[in-house]
Protein backbone atom coordinates (compact mmCIF):
# COMPACT_ATOMS: atom_id res chain seq x y z
CA UNK A 1 127.13 164.54 106.93
CA UNK A 2 127.89 161.99 109.58
CA UNK A 3 127.63 158.69 107.70
CA UNK A 4 127.58 156.69 110.95
CA UNK A 5 124.02 157.76 111.67
CA UNK A 6 121.24 155.34 110.69
CA UNK A 7 118.73 156.63 108.15
CA UNK A 8 115.20 157.22 109.46
CA UNK A 9 113.84 153.93 108.07
CA UNK A 10 116.58 152.07 109.94
CA UNK A 11 115.90 153.93 113.17
CA UNK A 12 112.17 153.23 112.86
CA UNK A 13 112.81 149.54 112.23
CA UNK A 14 115.09 149.34 115.27
CA UNK A 15 112.45 150.98 117.48
CA UNK A 16 109.80 148.58 116.22
CA UNK A 17 112.10 145.62 116.90
CA UNK A 18 112.71 146.79 120.48
CA UNK A 19 108.99 147.29 121.06
CA UNK A 20 108.22 143.83 119.71
CA UNK A 21 110.87 142.32 121.98
CA UNK A 22 109.05 143.81 124.95
CA UNK A 23 105.72 142.14 124.08
CA UNK A 24 106.68 138.56 124.99
CA UNK A 25 108.15 139.79 128.29
CA UNK A 26 104.94 141.65 129.13
CA UNK A 27 102.85 138.64 128.19
CA UNK A 28 105.05 136.41 130.33
CA UNK A 29 104.65 138.75 133.31
CA UNK A 30 100.86 138.79 132.84
CA UNK A 31 100.74 134.98 132.64
CA UNK A 32 102.84 134.68 135.80
CA UNK A 33 100.61 137.14 137.64
CA UNK A 34 97.48 135.26 136.55
CA UNK A 35 98.93 131.91 137.59
CA UNK A 36 99.75 133.36 141.00
CA UNK A 37 96.22 134.75 141.42
CA UNK A 38 94.64 131.45 140.37
CA UNK A 39 96.88 129.61 142.82
CA UNK A 40 95.72 131.90 145.63
CA UNK A 41 92.10 131.20 144.74
CA UNK A 42 92.50 127.43 144.60
CA UNK A 43 94.60 127.19 147.75
CA UNK A 44 91.89 129.05 149.66
CA UNK A 45 89.29 126.37 148.84
CA UNK A 46 88.51 123.39 151.06
CA UNK A 47 87.72 120.37 148.82
CA UNK A 48 86.83 118.01 151.71
CA UNK A 49 83.23 117.39 150.69
CA UNK A 50 84.12 116.73 147.05
CA UNK A 51 86.87 114.30 148.08
CA UNK A 52 84.58 112.36 150.39
CA UNK A 53 81.85 112.13 147.77
CA UNK A 54 84.46 110.74 145.39
CA UNK A 55 85.65 108.12 147.86
CA UNK A 56 82.11 106.78 148.32
CA UNK A 57 81.32 106.84 144.61
CA UNK A 58 84.44 104.97 143.47
CA UNK A 59 84.16 102.42 146.28
CA UNK A 60 80.52 101.72 145.45
CA UNK A 61 81.25 101.56 141.73
CA UNK A 62 83.85 98.86 142.41
CA UNK A 63 81.55 96.96 144.78
CA UNK A 64 78.73 97.07 142.24
CA UNK A 65 81.02 95.76 139.50
CA UNK A 66 82.26 92.93 141.72
CA UNK A 67 78.77 91.92 142.79
CA UNK A 68 77.33 92.04 139.28
CA UNK A 69 80.19 89.83 138.12
CA UNK A 70 79.61 87.33 140.94
CA UNK A 71 75.88 87.16 140.23
CA UNK A 72 76.49 86.67 136.51
CA UNK A 73 79.10 83.93 136.87
CA UNK A 74 77.23 82.25 139.69
CA UNK A 75 74.07 82.09 137.61
CA UNK A 76 76.01 80.70 134.65
CA UNK A 77 77.50 77.99 136.90
CA UNK A 78 74.12 76.95 138.28
CA UNK A 79 74.74 77.92 141.88
CA UNK A 80 71.53 78.21 143.89
CA UNK A 81 69.83 80.92 145.89
CA UNK A 82 72.38 80.57 148.68
CA UNK A 83 74.92 82.37 146.45
CA UNK A 84 74.43 85.88 147.81
CA UNK A 85 76.13 88.71 149.63
CA UNK A 86 76.37 87.11 153.07
CA UNK A 87 77.48 83.65 151.89
CA UNK A 88 81.00 82.94 153.27
CA UNK A 89 82.29 81.87 149.85
CA UNK A 90 80.81 84.99 148.22
CA UNK A 91 82.53 87.12 150.88
CA UNK A 92 85.88 85.49 150.07
CA UNK A 93 85.36 85.91 146.32
CA UNK A 94 84.38 89.56 146.68
CA UNK A 95 87.37 90.26 148.90
CA UNK A 96 89.69 88.86 146.25
CA UNK A 97 88.06 90.84 143.46
CA UNK A 98 88.31 94.05 145.51
CA UNK A 99 92.03 93.74 146.23
CA UNK A 100 93.78 97.02 145.49
CA UNK A 101 90.62 99.12 145.25
CA UNK A 102 91.23 100.93 148.53
CA UNK A 103 94.80 101.65 147.45
CA UNK A 104 93.50 103.04 144.13
CA UNK A 105 91.08 105.32 145.96
CA UNK A 106 93.84 106.46 148.30
CA UNK A 107 96.12 107.35 145.39
CA UNK A 108 93.64 109.02 143.07
CA UNK A 109 90.76 110.32 145.20
CA UNK A 110 91.59 110.68 148.90
CA UNK A 111 94.24 113.35 148.37
CA UNK A 112 92.66 116.68 147.31
CA UNK A 113 95.26 117.57 144.65
CA UNK A 114 92.97 116.29 141.87
CA UNK A 115 90.14 118.62 142.97
CA UNK A 116 92.45 121.61 143.05
CA UNK A 117 93.91 120.72 139.67
CA UNK A 118 90.45 120.38 138.12
CA UNK A 119 89.26 123.69 139.50
CA UNK A 120 92.54 125.43 138.63
CA UNK A 121 92.21 124.42 134.98
CA UNK A 122 88.65 125.76 134.85
CA UNK A 123 89.63 129.08 136.42
CA UNK A 124 92.63 129.50 134.10
CA UNK A 125 90.43 128.87 131.08
CA UNK A 126 87.48 131.10 131.98
CA UNK A 127 88.67 133.93 134.24
CA UNK A 128 91.03 136.73 133.20
CA UNK A 129 94.13 137.64 135.18
CA UNK A 130 92.55 140.81 136.57
CA UNK A 131 89.40 138.92 137.54
CA UNK A 132 91.43 136.15 139.18
CA UNK A 133 93.30 138.69 141.29
CA UNK A 134 90.04 140.38 142.33
CA UNK A 135 88.56 137.02 143.36
CA UNK A 136 91.70 136.04 145.29
CA UNK A 137 91.75 139.35 147.15
CA UNK A 138 88.05 139.03 147.96
CA UNK A 139 88.43 135.48 149.27
CA UNK A 140 91.19 136.73 151.59
CA UNK A 141 88.73 139.12 153.28
CA UNK A 142 86.40 138.09 156.11
CA UNK A 143 83.22 138.30 154.04
CA UNK A 144 84.93 136.75 151.03
CA UNK A 145 86.20 133.82 153.09
CA UNK A 146 82.65 133.07 154.23
CA UNK A 147 81.35 133.47 150.68
CA UNK A 148 84.04 131.14 149.35
CA UNK A 149 82.90 128.47 151.83
CA UNK A 150 79.31 128.87 150.65
CA UNK A 151 80.42 128.33 147.04
CA UNK A 152 82.51 125.23 147.69
CA UNK A 153 79.86 123.64 149.86
CA UNK A 154 77.19 124.42 147.29
CA UNK A 155 79.36 122.70 144.68
CA UNK A 156 79.70 119.69 146.98
CA UNK A 157 75.99 119.52 147.72
CA UNK A 158 75.14 119.82 144.02
CA UNK A 159 77.59 117.02 143.21
CA UNK A 160 76.12 114.85 145.96
CA UNK A 161 72.54 115.46 144.80
CA UNK A 162 73.51 114.62 141.22
CA UNK A 163 75.08 111.31 142.24
CA UNK A 164 72.26 110.31 144.58
CA UNK A 165 69.50 111.34 142.15
CA UNK A 166 71.04 109.16 139.42
CA UNK A 167 71.65 106.36 141.97
CA UNK A 168 75.35 106.28 141.23
CA UNK A 169 75.79 106.81 144.96
CA UNK A 170 73.49 105.09 147.45
CA UNK A 171 73.09 105.01 151.19
CA UNK A 172 73.27 101.68 153.00
CA UNK A 173 75.55 99.83 150.56
CA UNK A 174 77.44 97.11 152.50
CA UNK A 175 81.19 97.45 152.15
CA UNK A 176 81.21 101.25 151.87
CA UNK A 177 80.26 102.04 155.47
CA UNK A 178 83.54 103.74 156.39
CA UNK A 179 83.52 106.00 153.32
CA UNK A 180 79.85 106.84 153.85
CA UNK A 181 80.44 107.66 157.51
CA UNK A 182 83.18 110.13 156.54
CA UNK A 183 80.90 111.69 153.93
CA UNK A 184 78.04 112.09 156.38
CA UNK A 185 80.37 113.68 158.89
CA UNK A 186 81.44 116.25 156.30
CA UNK A 187 77.86 116.81 155.15
CA UNK A 188 76.33 117.28 158.57
CA UNK A 189 79.01 119.40 160.17
CA UNK A 190 76.67 122.36 160.01
CA UNK A 191 78.16 124.17 162.98
CA UNK A 192 80.98 125.50 160.82
CA UNK A 193 78.41 127.07 158.48
CA UNK A 194 76.23 128.78 161.11
CA UNK A 195 77.82 132.18 160.49
CA UNK A 196 77.49 132.00 156.73
CA UNK A 197 73.80 132.51 156.13
CA UNK A 198 73.71 136.34 156.42
CA UNK A 199 76.38 138.11 154.43
CA UNK A 200 74.55 141.44 154.22
CA UNK A 201 76.96 143.07 156.67
CA UNK A 202 79.77 142.61 154.15
CA UNK A 203 79.43 145.08 151.23
CA UNK A 204 82.13 143.26 149.29
CA UNK A 205 80.18 140.02 149.50
CA UNK A 206 77.04 141.69 148.15
CA UNK A 207 78.98 143.16 145.23
CA UNK A 208 80.64 139.81 144.54
CA UNK A 209 77.26 138.06 144.45
CA UNK A 210 75.66 140.57 142.08
CA UNK A 211 78.25 141.24 139.36
CA UNK A 212 81.29 139.84 137.64
CA UNK A 213 83.72 138.42 138.41
CA UNK A 214 81.71 136.96 141.29
CA UNK A 215 78.75 135.88 139.18
CA UNK A 216 81.07 134.44 136.53
CA UNK A 217 83.03 132.52 139.16
CA UNK A 218 79.94 131.07 140.81
CA UNK A 219 78.50 129.95 137.47
CA UNK A 220 81.82 128.40 136.53
CA UNK A 221 82.06 126.44 139.78
CA UNK A 222 78.54 124.99 139.59
CA UNK A 223 78.93 124.01 135.93
CA UNK A 224 82.51 123.42 134.82
CA UNK A 225 83.67 122.89 138.41
CA UNK A 226 81.14 120.13 139.06
CA UNK A 227 81.71 118.62 135.61
CA UNK A 228 85.47 118.49 136.16
CA UNK A 229 84.93 116.55 139.39
CA UNK A 230 82.65 114.08 137.61
CA UNK A 231 85.11 113.52 134.76
CA UNK A 232 87.91 112.65 137.15
CA UNK A 233 85.78 110.40 139.37
CA UNK A 234 84.32 108.54 136.40
CA UNK A 235 87.83 107.93 135.07
CA UNK A 236 88.91 106.44 138.41
CA UNK A 237 85.67 104.46 138.74
CA UNK A 238 86.19 102.95 135.29
CA UNK A 239 89.74 102.01 136.24
CA UNK A 240 88.32 100.22 139.29
CA UNK A 241 85.74 98.41 137.14
CA UNK A 242 88.43 97.27 134.70
CA UNK A 243 90.50 95.94 137.57
CA UNK A 244 87.50 93.95 138.83
CA UNK A 245 86.72 92.57 135.36
CA UNK A 246 90.34 91.55 134.81
CA UNK A 247 89.99 89.17 137.77
CA UNK A 248 86.73 87.56 136.66
CA UNK A 249 88.26 84.07 136.44
CA UNK A 250 89.19 84.21 140.10
CA UNK A 251 85.51 84.02 141.03
CA UNK A 252 85.11 80.56 139.49
CA UNK A 253 87.07 78.72 142.19
CA UNK A 254 84.92 80.28 144.88
CA UNK A 255 81.74 79.45 142.99
CA UNK A 256 82.92 75.85 142.59
CA UNK A 257 83.40 75.60 146.34
CA UNK A 258 79.91 76.99 146.92
CA UNK A 259 78.48 74.39 144.50
CA UNK A 260 80.40 71.61 146.24
CA UNK A 261 79.15 72.70 149.66
CA UNK A 262 75.57 72.85 148.36
CA UNK A 263 75.75 69.30 146.96
CA UNK A 264 77.15 67.92 150.20
CA UNK A 265 74.44 69.50 152.33
């Protein structure tokens, strides 16, 4: 007998070891393929409306915090009815409190990377690799591209309605005119959506709208997708509020000047 041959238990163990070694490699390939598919989905989206909603919301959150602080400290100091939004000293105080807010918005809201990151995390968590690839392929088609635009604009409109209904975002707030103008431009550019309303000529779009993964993806975007946007924007808004509150003492010098001017008049 050839003693160099492994006994059957040894051969079986070796085969099992080789098979097990192949599992991590297969899992790694599947993870890479899924990440690629998710990237194709996210890169196809246009987050313009979500970004512009965020810019208005954070700017108004900061303005509201600054104005509430000025009212509170002005009342405590005994300043009269002249202490209001259009008073020159108020304007100077508010400008000082708002220093750095536009830069904060530019860093953390104006660039769309945060939207794509939020949506990417939701897709990775909820959609399988095969489903992600199917969605990515569909969005690359003519009907899928139109359907993708419907989804992202619906997400934006739902976000906007949520913020306006809860009065976290308001029209006509002084100091946020530029951000609101950009938002309105994005909202009312309906010409780009004229072709979207009838997707019946695209069989793939009808299938996508009536079964998974299309139904799953749409539900995810209007729930987790919208929620992810809100979480990020609220985090940035709270950072802006903290920055305003950290400068509260700066308002006192302006209020003192307003009191002095009122006494002299």
